[in-house]
PDB file of N, CA and C in Angstrom:
ATOM      1  N   UNK A   1      -2.540  -9.396   3.525  1.00  0.00           N
ATOM      2  CA  UNK A   1      -3.952  -9.435   3.206  1.00  0.00           C
ATOM      3  C   UNK A   1      -4.376  -8.149   2.507  1.00  0.00           C
ATOM      4  N   UNK A   2      -3.708  -7.062   2.794  1.00  0.00           N
ATOM      5  CA  UNK A   2      -4.075  -5.797   2.188  1.00  0.00           C
ATOM      6  C   UNK A   2      -3.882  -5.787   0.689  1.00  0.00           C
ATOM      7  N   UNK A   3      -3.023  -6.665   0.176  1.00  0.00           N
ATOM      8  CA  UNK A   3      -2.784  -6.710  -1.264  1.00  0.00           C
ATOM      9  C   UNK A   3      -3.791  -7.603  -1.990  1.00  0.00           C
ATOM     10  N   UNK A   4      -4.684  -8.263  -1.252  1.00  0.00           N
ATOM     11  CA  UNK A   4      -5.692  -9.110  -1.870  1.00  0.00           C
ATOM     12  C   UNK A   4      -5.199 -10.500  -2.229  1.00  0.00           C
ATOM     13  N   UNK A   5      -4.038 -10.905  -1.733  1.00  0.00           N
ATOM     14  CA  UNK A   5      -3.500 -12.219  -2.036  1.00  0.00           C
ATOM     15  C   UNK A   5      -4.145 -13.276  -1.150  1.00  0.00           C
ATOM     16  N   UNK A   6      -4.439 -12.886   0.094  1.00  0.00           N
ATOM     17  CA  UNK A   6      -5.038 -13.807   1.052  1.00  0.00           C
ATOM     18  C   UNK A   6      -6.426 -13.326   1.434  1.00  0.00           C
ATOM     19  N   UNK A   7      -7.282 -14.260   1.783  1.00  0.00           N
ATOM     20  CA  UNK A   7      -8.597 -13.895   2.297  1.00  0.00           C
ATOM     21  C   UNK A   7      -9.031 -14.933   3.315  1.00  0.00           C
ATOM     22  N   UNK A   8     -10.018 -14.562   4.122  1.00  0.00           N
ATOM     23  CA  UNK A   8     -10.545 -15.440   5.162  1.00  0.00           C
ATOM     24  C   UNK A   8     -11.964 -15.864   4.805  1.00  0.00           C
ATOM     25  N   UNK A   9     -12.163 -17.097   4.376  1.00  0.00           N
ATOM     26  CA  UNK A   9     -13.539 -17.552   4.133  1.00  0.00           C
ATOM     27  C   UNK A   9     -14.292 -17.760   5.452  1.00  0.00           C
ATOM     28  N   UNK A  10     -13.551 -18.058   6.511  1.00  0.00           N
ATOM     29  CA  UNK A  10     -14.110 -18.172   7.863  1.00  0.00           C
ATOM     30  C   UNK A  10     -13.102 -17.538   8.811  1.00  0.00           C
ATOM     31  N   UNK A  11     -13.501 -17.239  10.030  1.00  0.00           N
ATOM     32  CA  UNK A  11     -12.539 -16.655  10.972  1.00  0.00           C
ATOM     33  C   UNK A  11     -11.371 -17.583  11.297  1.00  0.00           C
ATOM     34  N   UNK A  12     -11.484 -18.855  10.960  1.00  0.00           N
ATOM     35  CA  UNK A  12     -10.464 -19.835  11.332  1.00  0.00           C
ATOM     36  C   UNK A  12      -9.643 -20.350  10.160  1.00  0.00           C
ATOM     37  N   UNK A  13      -9.815 -19.780   8.994  1.00  0.00           N
ATOM     38  CA  UNK A  13      -9.041 -20.259   7.855  1.00  0.00           C
ATOM     39  C   UNK A  13      -8.525 -19.091   7.032  1.00  0.00           C
ATOM     40  N   UNK A  14      -7.391 -19.325   6.409  1.00  0.00           N
ATOM     41  CA  UNK A  14      -6.733 -18.345   5.571  1.00  0.00           C
ATOM     42  C   UNK A  14      -6.472 -19.006   4.226  1.00  0.00           C
ATOM     43  N   UNK A  15      -6.882 -18.344   3.136  1.00  0.00           N
ATOM     44  CA  UNK A  15      -6.739 -18.929   1.804  1.00  0.00           C
ATOM     45  C   UNK A  15      -6.068 -17.936   0.863  1.00  0.00           C
ATOM     46  N   UNK A  16      -5.487 -18.485  -0.190  1.00  0.00           N
ATOM     47  CA  UNK A  16      -4.913 -17.661  -1.253  1.00  0.00           C
ATOM     48  C   UNK A  16      -6.013 -17.350  -2.255  1.00  0.00           C
ATOM     49  N   UNK A  17      -6.176 -16.074  -2.555  1.00  0.00           N
ATOM     50  CA  UNK A  17      -7.209 -15.624  -3.480  1.00  0.00           C
ATOM     51  C   UNK A  17      -6.731 -15.743  -4.923  1.00  0.00           C
ATOM     52  N   UNK A  18      -7.679 -15.806  -5.831  1.00  0.00           N
ATOM     53  CA  UNK A  18      -7.349 -15.685  -7.246  1.00  0.00           C
ATOM     54  C   UNK A  18      -6.979 -14.221  -7.483  1.00  0.00           C
ATOM     55  N   UNK A  19      -5.886 -13.974  -8.161  1.00  0.00           N
ATOM     56  CA  UNK A  19      -5.481 -12.596  -8.407  1.00  0.00           C
ATOM     57  C   UNK A  19      -4.624 -12.524  -9.658  1.00  0.00           C
ATOM     58  N   UNK A  20      -4.559 -11.333 -10.210  1.00  0.00           N
ATOM     59  CA  UNK A  20      -3.746 -11.062 -11.389  1.00  0.00           C
ATOM     60  C   UNK A  20      -2.353 -10.639 -10.910  1.00  0.00           C
ATOM     61  N   UNK A  21      -1.393 -11.535 -11.028  1.00  0.00           N
ATOM     62  CA  UNK A  21      -0.043 -11.256 -10.514  1.00  0.00           C
ATOM     63  C   UNK A  21       0.586 -10.034 -11.157  1.00  0.00           C
ATOM     64  N   UNK A  22       0.419  -9.872 -12.450  1.00  0.00           N
ATOM     65  CA  UNK A  22       1.055  -8.737 -13.117  1.00  0.00           C
ATOM     66  C   UNK A  22       0.432  -7.419 -12.657  1.00  0.00           C
ATOM     67  N   UNK A  23      -0.874  -7.404 -12.466  1.00  0.00           N
ATOM     68  CA  UNK A  23      -1.544  -6.193 -11.980  1.00  0.00           C
ATOM     69  C   UNK A  23      -1.080  -5.870 -10.560  1.00  0.00           C
ATOM     70  N   UNK A  24      -1.020  -6.874  -9.716  1.00  0.00           N
ATOM     71  CA  UNK A  24      -0.584  -6.666  -8.343  1.00  0.00           C
ATOM     72  C   UNK A  24       0.859  -6.179  -8.300  1.00  0.00           C
ATOM     73  N   UNK A  25       1.715  -6.788  -9.084  1.00  0.00           N
ATOM     74  CA  UNK A  25       3.121  -6.380  -9.121  1.00  0.00           C
ATOM     75  C   UNK A  25       3.249  -4.930  -9.568  1.00  0.00           C
ATOM     76  N   UNK A  26       2.478  -4.539 -10.572  1.00  0.00           N
ATOM     77  CA  UNK A  26       2.520  -3.162 -11.055  1.00  0.00           C
ATOM     78  C   UNK A  26       2.036  -2.191  -9.983  1.00  0.00           C
ATOM     79  N   UNK A  27       0.974  -2.564  -9.271  1.00  0.00           N
ATOM     80  CA  UNK A  27       0.453  -1.695  -8.219  1.00  0.00           C
ATOM     81  C   UNK A  27       1.455  -1.532  -7.089  1.00  0.00           C
ATOM     82  N   UNK A  28       2.043  -2.636  -6.638  1.00  0.00           N
ATOM     83  CA  UNK A  28       2.993  -2.569  -5.535  1.00  0.00           C
ATOM     84  C   UNK A  28       4.287  -1.878  -5.946  1.00  0.00           C
ATOM     85  N   UNK A  29       4.737  -2.132  -7.140  1.00  0.00           N
ATOM     86  CA  UNK A  29       5.975  -1.523  -7.612  1.00  0.00           C
ATOM     87  C   UNK A  29       5.804  -0.019  -7.814  1.00  0.00           C
ATOM     88  N   UNK A  30       4.571   0.423  -8.061  1.00  0.00           N
ATOM     89  CA  UNK A  30       4.317   1.831  -8.307  1.00  0.00           C
ATOM     90  C   UNK A  30       4.049   2.642  -7.060  1.00  0.00           C
ATOM     91  N   UNK A  31       4.179   2.054  -5.879  1.00  0.00           N
ATOM     92  CA  UNK A  31       3.960   2.800  -4.650  1.00  0.00           C
ATOM     93  C   UNK A  31       4.952   3.944  -4.563  1.00  0.00           C
ATOM     94  N   UNK A  32       4.437   5.108  -4.227  1.00  0.00           N
ATOM     95  CA  UNK A  32       5.331   6.249  -4.143  1.00  0.00           C
ATOM     96  C   UNK A  32       5.903   6.367  -2.743  1.00  0.00           C
ATOM     97  N   UNK A  33       7.130   6.772  -2.686  1.00  0.00           N
ATOM     98  CA  UNK A  33       7.813   6.975  -1.412  1.00  0.00           C
ATOM     99  C   UNK A  33       8.933   7.966  -1.644  1.00  0.00           C
ATOM    100  N   UNK A  34       9.217   8.743  -0.636  1.00  0.00           N
ATOM    101  CA  UNK A  34      10.325   9.683  -0.750  1.00  0.00           C
ATOM    102  C   UNK A  34      11.656   8.956  -0.600  1.00  0.00           C
ATOM    103  N   UNK A  35      11.606   7.759  -0.122  1.00  0.00           N
ATOM    104  CA  UNK A  35      12.823   6.993   0.165  1.00  0.00           C
ATOM    105  C   UNK A  35      13.065   5.954  -0.934  1.00  0.00           C
ATOM    106  N   UNK A  36      14.106   6.158  -1.731  1.00  0.00           N
ATOM    107  CA  UNK A  36      14.399   5.240  -2.837  1.00  0.00           C
ATOM    108  C   UNK A  36      14.702   3.841  -2.325  1.00  0.00           C
ATOM    109  N   UNK A  37      15.347   3.734  -1.164  1.00  0.00           N
ATOM    110  CA  UNK A  37      15.668   2.422  -0.608  1.00  0.00           C
ATOM    111  C   UNK A  37      14.389   1.659  -0.259  1.00  0.00           C
ATOM    112  N   UNK A  38      13.399   2.361   0.270  1.00  0.00           N
ATOM    113  CA  UNK A  38      12.113   1.726   0.586  1.00  0.00           C
ATOM    114  C   UNK A  38      11.462   1.200  -0.685  1.00  0.00           C
ATOM    115  N   UNK A  39      11.474   1.994  -1.733  1.00  0.00           N
ATOM    116  CA  UNK A  39      10.916   1.539  -3.012  1.00  0.00           C
ATOM    117  C   UNK A  39      11.657   0.319  -3.530  1.00  0.00           C
ATOM    118  N   UNK A  40      12.972   0.309  -3.387  1.00  0.00           N
ATOM    119  CA  UNK A  40      13.765  -0.839  -3.823  1.00  0.00           C
ATOM    120  C   UNK A  40      13.392  -2.093  -3.038  1.00  0.00           C
ATOM    121  N   UNK A  41      13.195  -1.943  -1.734  1.00  0.00           N
ATOM    122  CA  UNK A  41      12.812  -3.090  -0.906  1.00  0.00           C
ATOM    123  C   UNK A  41      11.418  -3.596  -1.258  1.00  0.00           C
ATOM    124  N   UNK A  42      10.495  -2.678  -1.531  1.00  0.00           N
ATOM    125  CA  UNK A  42       9.144  -3.085  -1.931  1.00  0.00           C
ATOM    126  C   UNK A  42       9.211  -3.857  -3.243  1.00  0.00           C
ATOM    127  N   UNK A  43       9.998  -3.364  -4.181  1.00  0.00           N
ATOM    128  CA  UNK A  43      10.128  -4.042  -5.466  1.00  0.00           C
ATOM    129  C   UNK A  43      10.743  -5.430  -5.285  1.00  0.00           C
ATOM    130  N   UNK A  44      11.745  -5.551  -4.439  1.00  0.00           N
ATOM    131  CA  UNK A  44      12.354  -6.854  -4.161  1.00  0.00           C
ATOM    132  C   UNK A  44      11.322  -7.793  -3.547  1.00  0.00           C
ATOM    133  N   UNK A  45      10.529  -7.310  -2.620  1.00  0.00           N
ATOM    134  CA  UNK A  45       9.498  -8.126  -1.990  1.00  0.00           C
ATOM    135  C   UNK A  45       8.502  -8.630  -3.030  1.00  0.00           C
ATOM    136  N   UNK A  46       8.096  -7.767  -3.927  1.00  0.00           N
ATOM    137  CA  UNK A  46       7.152  -8.158  -4.985  1.00  0.00           C
ATOM    138  C   UNK A  46       7.746  -9.264  -5.841  1.00  0.00           C
ATOM    139  N   UNK A  47       8.988  -9.073  -6.278  1.00  0.00           N
ATOM    140  CA  UNK A  47       9.642 -10.058  -7.141  1.00  0.00           C
ATOM    141  C   UNK A  47       9.766 -11.407  -6.430  1.00  0.00           C
ATOM    142  N   UNK A  48      10.245 -11.383  -5.204  1.00  0.00           N
ATOM    143  CA  UNK A  48      10.457 -12.631  -4.468  1.00  0.00           C
ATOM    144  C   UNK A  48       9.146 -13.338  -4.157  1.00  0.00           C
ATOM    145  N   UNK A  49       8.205 -12.612  -3.594  1.00  0.00           N
ATOM    146  CA  UNK A  49       6.981 -13.266  -3.137  1.00  0.00           C
ATOM    147  C   UNK A  49       6.075 -13.708  -4.277  1.00  0.00           C
ATOM    148  N   UNK A  50       5.913 -12.874  -5.275  1.00  0.00           N
ATOM    149  CA  UNK A  50       5.055 -13.293  -6.383  1.00  0.00           C
ATOM    150  C   UNK A  50       5.696 -14.421  -7.169  1.00  0.00           C
ATOM    151  N   UNK A  51       7.007 -14.383  -7.291  1.00  0.00           N
ATOM    152  CA  UNK A  51       7.703 -15.473  -7.967  1.00  0.00           C
ATOM    153  C   UNK A  51       7.672 -16.765  -7.170  1.00  0.00           C
ATOM    154  N   UNK A  52       7.524 -16.646  -5.850  1.00  0.00           N
ATOM    155  CA  UNK A  52       7.585 -17.812  -4.977  1.00  0.00           C
ATOM    156  C   UNK A  52       6.224 -18.335  -4.541  1.00  0.00           C
ATOM    157  N   UNK A  53       5.138 -17.657  -4.914  1.00  0.00           N
ATOM    158  CA  UNK A  53       3.829 -18.014  -4.359  1.00  0.00           C
ATOM    159  C   UNK A  53       3.447 -19.470  -4.643  1.00  0.00           C
ATOM    160  N   UNK A  54       3.721 -19.984  -5.816  1.00  0.00           N
ATOM    161  CA  UNK A  54       3.394 -21.382  -6.116  1.00  0.00           C
ATOM    162  C   UNK A  54       4.210 -22.337  -5.241  1.00  0.00           C
ATOM    163  N   UNK A  55       5.493 -22.035  -5.063  1.00  0.00           N
ATOM    164  CA  UNK A  55       6.338 -22.875  -4.211  1.00  0.00           C
ATOM    165  C   UNK A  55       5.919 -22.761  -2.748  1.00  0.00           C
ATOM    166  N   UNK A  56       5.527 -21.579  -2.319  1.00  0.00           N
ATOM    167  CA  UNK A  56       5.043 -21.394  -0.949  1.00  0.00           C
ATOM    168  C   UNK A  56       3.811 -22.261  -0.721  1.00  0.00           C
ATOM    169  N   UNK A  57       2.885 -22.220  -1.673  1.00  0.00           N
ATOM    170  CA  UNK A  57       1.662 -23.024  -1.550  1.00  0.00           C
ATOM    171  C   UNK A  57       1.977 -24.514  -1.524  1.00  0.00           C
ATOM    172  N   UNK A  58       2.944 -24.927  -2.311  1.00  0.00           N
ATOM    173  CA  UNK A  58       3.281 -26.354  -2.384  1.00  0.00           C
ATOM    174  C   UNK A  58       4.025 -26.843  -1.143  1.00  0.00           C
ATOM    175  N   UNK A  59       4.813 -25.959  -0.515  1.00  0.00           N
ATOM    176  CA  UNK A  59       5.687 -26.394   0.567  1.00  0.00           C
ATOM    177  C   UNK A  59       5.211 -26.067   1.968  1.00  0.00           C
ATOM    178  N   UNK A  60       4.285 -25.154   2.109  1.00  0.00           N
ATOM    179  CA  UNK A  60       3.885 -24.699   3.444  1.00  0.00           C
ATOM    180  C   UNK A  60       3.249 -25.830   4.250  1.00  0.00           C
ATOM    181  N   UNK A  61       3.787 -26.024   5.443  1.00  0.00           N
ATOM    182  CA  UNK A  61       3.237 -27.013   6.368  1.00  0.00           C
ATOM    183  C   UNK A  61       2.204 -26.327   7.260  1.00  0.00           C
ATOM    184  N   UNK A  62       1.537 -27.112   8.087  1.00  0.00           N
ATOM    185  CA  UNK A  62       0.587 -26.539   9.045  1.00  0.00           C
ATOM    186  C   UNK A  62       1.294 -25.551   9.969  1.00  0.00           C
ATOM    187  N   UNK A  63       2.518 -25.877  10.389  1.00  0.00           N
ATOM    188  CA  UNK A  63       3.274 -24.966  11.249  1.00  0.00           C
ATOM    189  C   UNK A  63       3.583 -23.657  10.528  1.00  0.00           C
ATOM    190  N   UNK A  64       3.961 -23.741   9.259  1.00  0.00           N
ATOM    191  CA  UNK A  64       4.202 -22.521   8.485  1.00  0.00           C
ATOM    192  C   UNK A  64       2.929 -21.697   8.387  1.00  0.00           C
ATOM    193  N   UNK A  65       1.824 -22.350   8.080  1.00  0.00           N
ATOM    194  CA  UNK A  65       0.555 -21.629   7.946  1.00  0.00           C
ATOM    195  C   UNK A  65       0.135 -20.979   9.258  1.00  0.00           C
ATOM    196  N   UNK A  66       0.395 -21.649  10.373  1.00  0.00           N
ATOM    197  CA  UNK A  66       0.082 -21.065  11.678  1.00  0.00           C
ATOM    198  C   UNK A  66       0.917 -19.809  11.925  1.00  0.00           C
ATOM    199  N   UNK A  67       2.184 -19.847  11.535  1.00  0.00           N
ATOM    200  CA  UNK A  67       3.054 -18.682  11.716  1.00  0.00           C
ATOM    201  C   UNK A  67       2.614 -17.530  10.808  1.00  0.00           C
ATOM    202  N   UNK A  68       2.270 -17.839   9.575  1.00  0.00           N
ATOM    203  CA  UNK A  68       1.764 -16.817   8.658  1.00  0.00           C
ATOM    204  C   UNK A  68       0.489 -16.212   9.231  1.00  0.00           C
ATOM    205  N   UNK A  69      -0.429 -17.063   9.682  1.00  0.00           N
ATOM    206  CA  UNK A  69      -1.698 -16.616  10.255  1.00  0.00           C
ATOM    207  C   UNK A  69      -1.465 -15.762  11.504  1.00  0.00           C
ATOM    208  N   UNK A  70      -0.493 -16.144  12.302  1.00  0.00           N
ATOM    209  CA  UNK A  70      -0.172 -15.373  13.514  1.00  0.00           C
ATOM    210  C   UNK A  70       0.101 -13.918  13.185  1.00  0.00           C
ATOM    211  N   UNK A  71       0.879 -13.697  12.136  1.00  0.00           N
ATOM    212  CA  UNK A  71       1.241 -12.329  11.784  1.00  0.00           C
ATOM    213  C   UNK A  71       0.119 -11.608  11.053  1.00  0.00           C
ATOM    214  N   UNK A  72      -0.752 -12.343  10.371  1.00  0.00           N
ATOM    215  CA  UNK A  72      -1.948 -11.720   9.794  1.00  0.00           C
ATOM    216  C   UNK A  72      -2.837 -11.189  10.922  1.00  0.00           C
ATOM    217  N   UNK A  73      -3.065 -12.018  11.918  1.00  0.00           N
ATOM    218  CA  UNK A  73      -3.908 -11.629  13.056  1.00  0.00           C
ATOM    219  C   UNK A  73      -3.301 -10.441  13.795  1.00  0.00           C
ATOM    220  N   UNK A  74      -1.988 -10.494  14.024  1.00  0.00           N
ATOM    221  CA  UNK A  74      -1.313  -9.393  14.714  1.00  0.00           C
ATOM    222  C   UNK A  74      -1.418  -8.102  13.908  1.00  0.00           C
ATOM    223  N   UNK A  75      -1.235  -8.180  12.605  1.00  0.00           N
ATOM    224  CA  UNK A  75      -1.360  -6.998  11.754  1.00  0.00           C
ATOM    225  C   UNK A  75      -2.767  -6.433  11.782  1.00  0.00           C
ATOM    226  N   UNK A  76      -3.762  -7.299  11.731  1.00  0.00           N
ATOM    227  CA  UNK A  76      -5.151  -6.846  11.793  1.00  0.00           C
ATOM    228  C   UNK A  76      -5.451  -6.193  13.141  1.00  0.00           C
ATOM    229  N   UNK A  77      -4.902  -6.770  14.212  1.00  0.00           N
ATOM    230  CA  UNK A  77      -5.117  -6.211  15.552  1.00  0.00           C
ATOM    231  C   UNK A  77      -4.493  -4.817  15.647  1.00  0.00           C
ATOM    232  N   UNK A  78      -3.264  -4.688  15.173  1.00  0.00           N
ATOM    233  CA  UNK A  78      -2.578  -3.398  15.209  1.00  0.00           C
ATOM    234  C   UNK A  78      -3.318  -2.357  14.364  1.00  0.00           C
ATOM    235  N   UNK A  79      -3.750  -2.773  13.201  1.00  0.00           N
ATOM    236  CA  UNK A  79      -4.471  -1.865  12.304  1.00  0.00           C
ATOM    237  C   UNK A  79      -5.757  -1.369  12.958  1.00  0.00           C
ATOM    238  N   UNK A  80      -6.500  -2.281  13.569  1.00  0.00           N
ATOM    239  CA  UNK A  80      -7.752  -1.917  14.241  1.00  0.00           C
ATOM    240  C   UNK A  80      -7.503  -0.965  15.409  1.00  0.00           C
ATOM    241  N   UNK A  81      -6.361  -1.110  16.059  1.00  0.00           N
ATOM    242  CA  UNK A  81      -6.022  -0.258  17.200  1.00  0.00           C
ATOM    243  C   UNK A  81      -5.378   1.059  16.768  1.00  0.00           C
ATOM    244  N   UNK A  82      -5.172   1.215  15.459  1.00  0.00           N
ATOM    245  CA  UNK A  82      -4.536   2.428  14.959  1.00  0.00           C
ATOM    246  C   UNK A  82      -3.051   2.493  15.241  1.00  0.00           C
ATOM    247  N   UNK A  83      -2.447   1.324  15.456  1.00  0.00           N
ATOM    248  CA  UNK A  83      -1.019   1.248  15.753  1.00  0.00           C
ATOM    249  C   UNK A  83      -0.235   0.899  14.489  1.00  0.00           C
ATOM    250  N   UNK A  84       1.050   1.215  14.457  1.00  0.00           N
ATOM    251  CA  UNK A  84       1.877   0.851  13.297  1.00  0.00           C
ATOM    252  C   UNK A  84       1.931  -0.673  13.123  1.00  0.00           C
ATOM    253  N   UNK A  85       1.904  -1.104  11.885  1.00  0.00           N
ATOM    254  CA  UNK A  85       1.910  -2.547  11.600  1.00  0.00           C
ATOM    255  C   UNK A  85       3.238  -3.011  11.004  1.00  0.00           C
ATOM    256  N   UNK A  86       4.256  -2.167  11.035  1.00  0.00           N
ATOM    257  CA  UNK A  86       5.513  -2.480  10.372  1.00  0.00           C
ATOM    258  C   UNK A  86       6.091  -3.828  10.792  1.00  0.00           C
ATOM    259  N   UNK A  87       6.143  -4.080  12.086  1.00  0.00           N
ATOM    260  CA  UNK A  87       6.746  -5.331  12.566  1.00  0.00           C
ATOM    261  C   UNK A  87       5.933  -6.535  12.118  1.00  0.00           C
ATOM    262  N   UNK A  88       4.605  -6.457  12.282  1.00  0.00           N
ATOM    263  CA  UNK A  88       3.747  -7.577  11.878  1.00  0.00           C
ATOM    264  C   UNK A  88       3.842  -7.802  10.373  1.00  0.00           C
ATOM    265  N   UNK A  89       3.897  -6.723   9.613  1.00  0.00           N
ATOM    266  CA  UNK A  89       4.009  -6.836   8.157  1.00  0.00           C
ATOM    267  C   UNK A  89       5.325  -7.498   7.773  1.00  0.00           C
ATOM    268  N   UNK A  90       6.401  -7.072   8.405  1.00  0.00           N
ATOM    269  CA  UNK A  90       7.713  -7.655   8.131  1.00  0.00           C
ATOM    270  C   UNK A  90       7.743  -9.142   8.489  1.00  0.00           C
ATOM    271  N   UNK A  91       7.198  -9.474   9.644  1.00  0.00           N
ATOM    272  CA  UNK A  91       7.172 -10.874  10.090  1.00  0.00           C
ATOM    273  C   UNK A  91       6.283 -11.728   9.183  1.00  0.00           C
ATOM    274  N   UNK A  92       5.166 -11.177   8.711  1.00  0.00           N
ATOM    275  CA  UNK A  92       4.278 -11.893   7.794  1.00  0.00           C
ATOM    276  C   UNK A  92       5.028 -12.261   6.516  1.00  0.00           C
ATOM    277  N   UNK A  93       5.706 -11.283   5.931  1.00  0.00           N
ATOM    278  CA  UNK A  93       6.405 -11.536   4.667  1.00  0.00           C
ATOM    279  C   UNK A  93       7.590 -12.483   4.866  1.00  0.00           C
ATOM    280  N   UNK A  94       8.260 -12.372   5.997  1.00  0.00           N
ATOM    281  CA  UNK A  94       9.348 -13.307   6.300  1.00  0.00           C
ATOM    282  C   UNK A  94       8.799 -14.721   6.466  1.00  0.00           C
ATOM    283  N   UNK A  95       7.659 -14.852   7.139  1.00  0.00           N
ATOM    284  CA  UNK A  95       7.056 -16.181   7.341  1.00  0.00           C
ATOM    285  C   UNK A  95       6.665 -16.816   6.009  1.00  0.00           C
ATOM    286  N   UNK A  96       6.179 -16.004   5.081  1.00  0.00           N
ATOM    287  CA  UNK A  96       5.860 -16.541   3.748  1.00  0.00           C
ATOM    288  C   UNK A  96       7.094 -17.196   3.132  1.00  0.00           C
ATOM    289  N   UNK A  97       8.197 -16.461   3.110  1.00  0.00           N
ATOM    290  CA  UNK A  97       9.405 -16.970   2.460  1.00  0.00           C
ATOM    291  C   UNK A  97      10.075 -18.073   3.266  1.00  0.00           C
ATOM    292  N   UNK A  98       9.962 -18.037   4.586  1.00  0.00           N
ATOM    293  CA  UNK A  98      10.535 -19.102   5.411  1.00  0.00           C
ATOM    294  C   UNK A  98       9.856 -20.435   5.154  1.00  0.00           C
ATOM    295  N   UNK A  99       8.623 -20.398   4.684  1.00  0.00           N
ATOM    296  CA  UNK A  99       7.921 -21.656   4.401  1.00  0.00           C
ATOM    297  C   UNK A  99       8.570 -22.433   3.263  1.00  0.00           C
ATOM    298  N   UNK A 100       9.455 -21.797   2.521  1.00  0.00           N
ATOM    299  CA  UNK A 100      10.169 -22.489   1.448  1.00  0.00           C
ATOM    300  C   UNK A 100      11.274 -23.390   1.993  1.00  0.00           C
ATOM    301  N   UNK A 101      11.658 -23.177   3.253  1.00  0.00           N
ATOM    302  CA  UNK A 101      12.754 -23.934   3.870  1.00  0.00           C
ATOM    303  C   UNK A 101      14.007 -23.911   2.994  1.00  0.00           C
ATOM    304  N   UNK A 102      14.326 -22.725   2.495  1.00  0.00           N
ATOM    305  CA  UNK A 102      15.478 -22.531   1.624  1.00  0.00           C
ATOM    306  C   UNK A 102      16.518 -21.724   2.399  1.00  0.00           C
ATOM    307  N   UNK A 103      17.656 -22.346   2.686  1.00  0.00           N
ATOM    308  CA  UNK A 103      18.681 -21.691   3.512  1.00  0.00           C
ATOM    309  C   UNK A 103      19.222 -20.413   2.880  1.00  0.00           C
ATOM    310  N   UNK A 104      19.331 -20.368   1.565  1.00  0.00           N
ATOM    311  CA  UNK A 104      19.826 -19.165   0.907  1.00  0.00           C
ATOM    312  C   UNK A 104      18.838 -18.016   1.098  1.00  0.00           C
ATOM    313  N   UNK A 105      17.559 -18.281   0.858  1.00  0.00           N
ATOM    314  CA  UNK A 105      16.532 -17.266   1.069  1.00  0.00           C
ATOM    315  C   UNK A 105      16.493 -16.841   2.534  1.00  0.00           C
ATOM    316  N   UNK A 106      16.527 -17.815   3.435  1.00  0.00           N
ATOM    317  CA  UNK A 106      16.480 -17.508   4.865  1.00  0.00           C
ATOM    318  C   UNK A 106      17.647 -16.624   5.301  1.00  0.00           C
ATOM    319  N   UNK A 107      18.785 -16.758   4.644  1.00  0.00           N
ATOM    320  CA  UNK A 107      19.939 -15.939   5.032  1.00  0.00           C
ATOM    321  C   UNK A 107      19.721 -14.462   4.735  1.00  0.00           C
ATOM    322  N   UNK A 108      18.780 -14.145   3.857  1.00  0.00           N
ATOM    323  CA  UNK A 108      18.482 -12.754   3.523  1.00  0.00           C
ATOM    324  C   UNK A 108      17.392 -12.175   4.410  1.00  0.00           C
ATOM    325  N   UNK A 109      16.695 -13.019   5.155  1.00  0.00           N
ATOM    326  CA  UNK A 109      15.558 -12.554   5.957  1.00  0.00           C
ATOM    327  C   UNK A 109      16.012 -12.002   7.290  1.00  0.00           C
ATOM    328  N   UNK A 110      15.216 -11.050   7.834  1.00  0.00           N
ATOM    329  CA  UNK A 110      15.573 -10.516   9.156  1.00  0.00           C
ATOM    330  C   UNK A 110      15.433 -11.561  10.230  1.00  0.00           C
TER     331      UNK A 110
END
């Protein structure tokens, strides 16, 4: 949600926002980090998720959406509490790609 891809029109629904994919990809790819491996992983995430967003939207079932929403809520809760959101963020992004039900993609996920 922090990237502006998703938004909540109501407390009970999660929607995909209109966004400029190239602008978002450039912003995410340009994140600075002292760790080159972290930058590489961020870039991979951008490529996979932005390239897959249409397929995710087409294939996501109610169960997939519930799992995605679960990790959005957990991330928001952690953020509000001032706690690290790494696990919730990782699970959110994994849930996005798992909605594709692609065994090859799933084999790369944690």
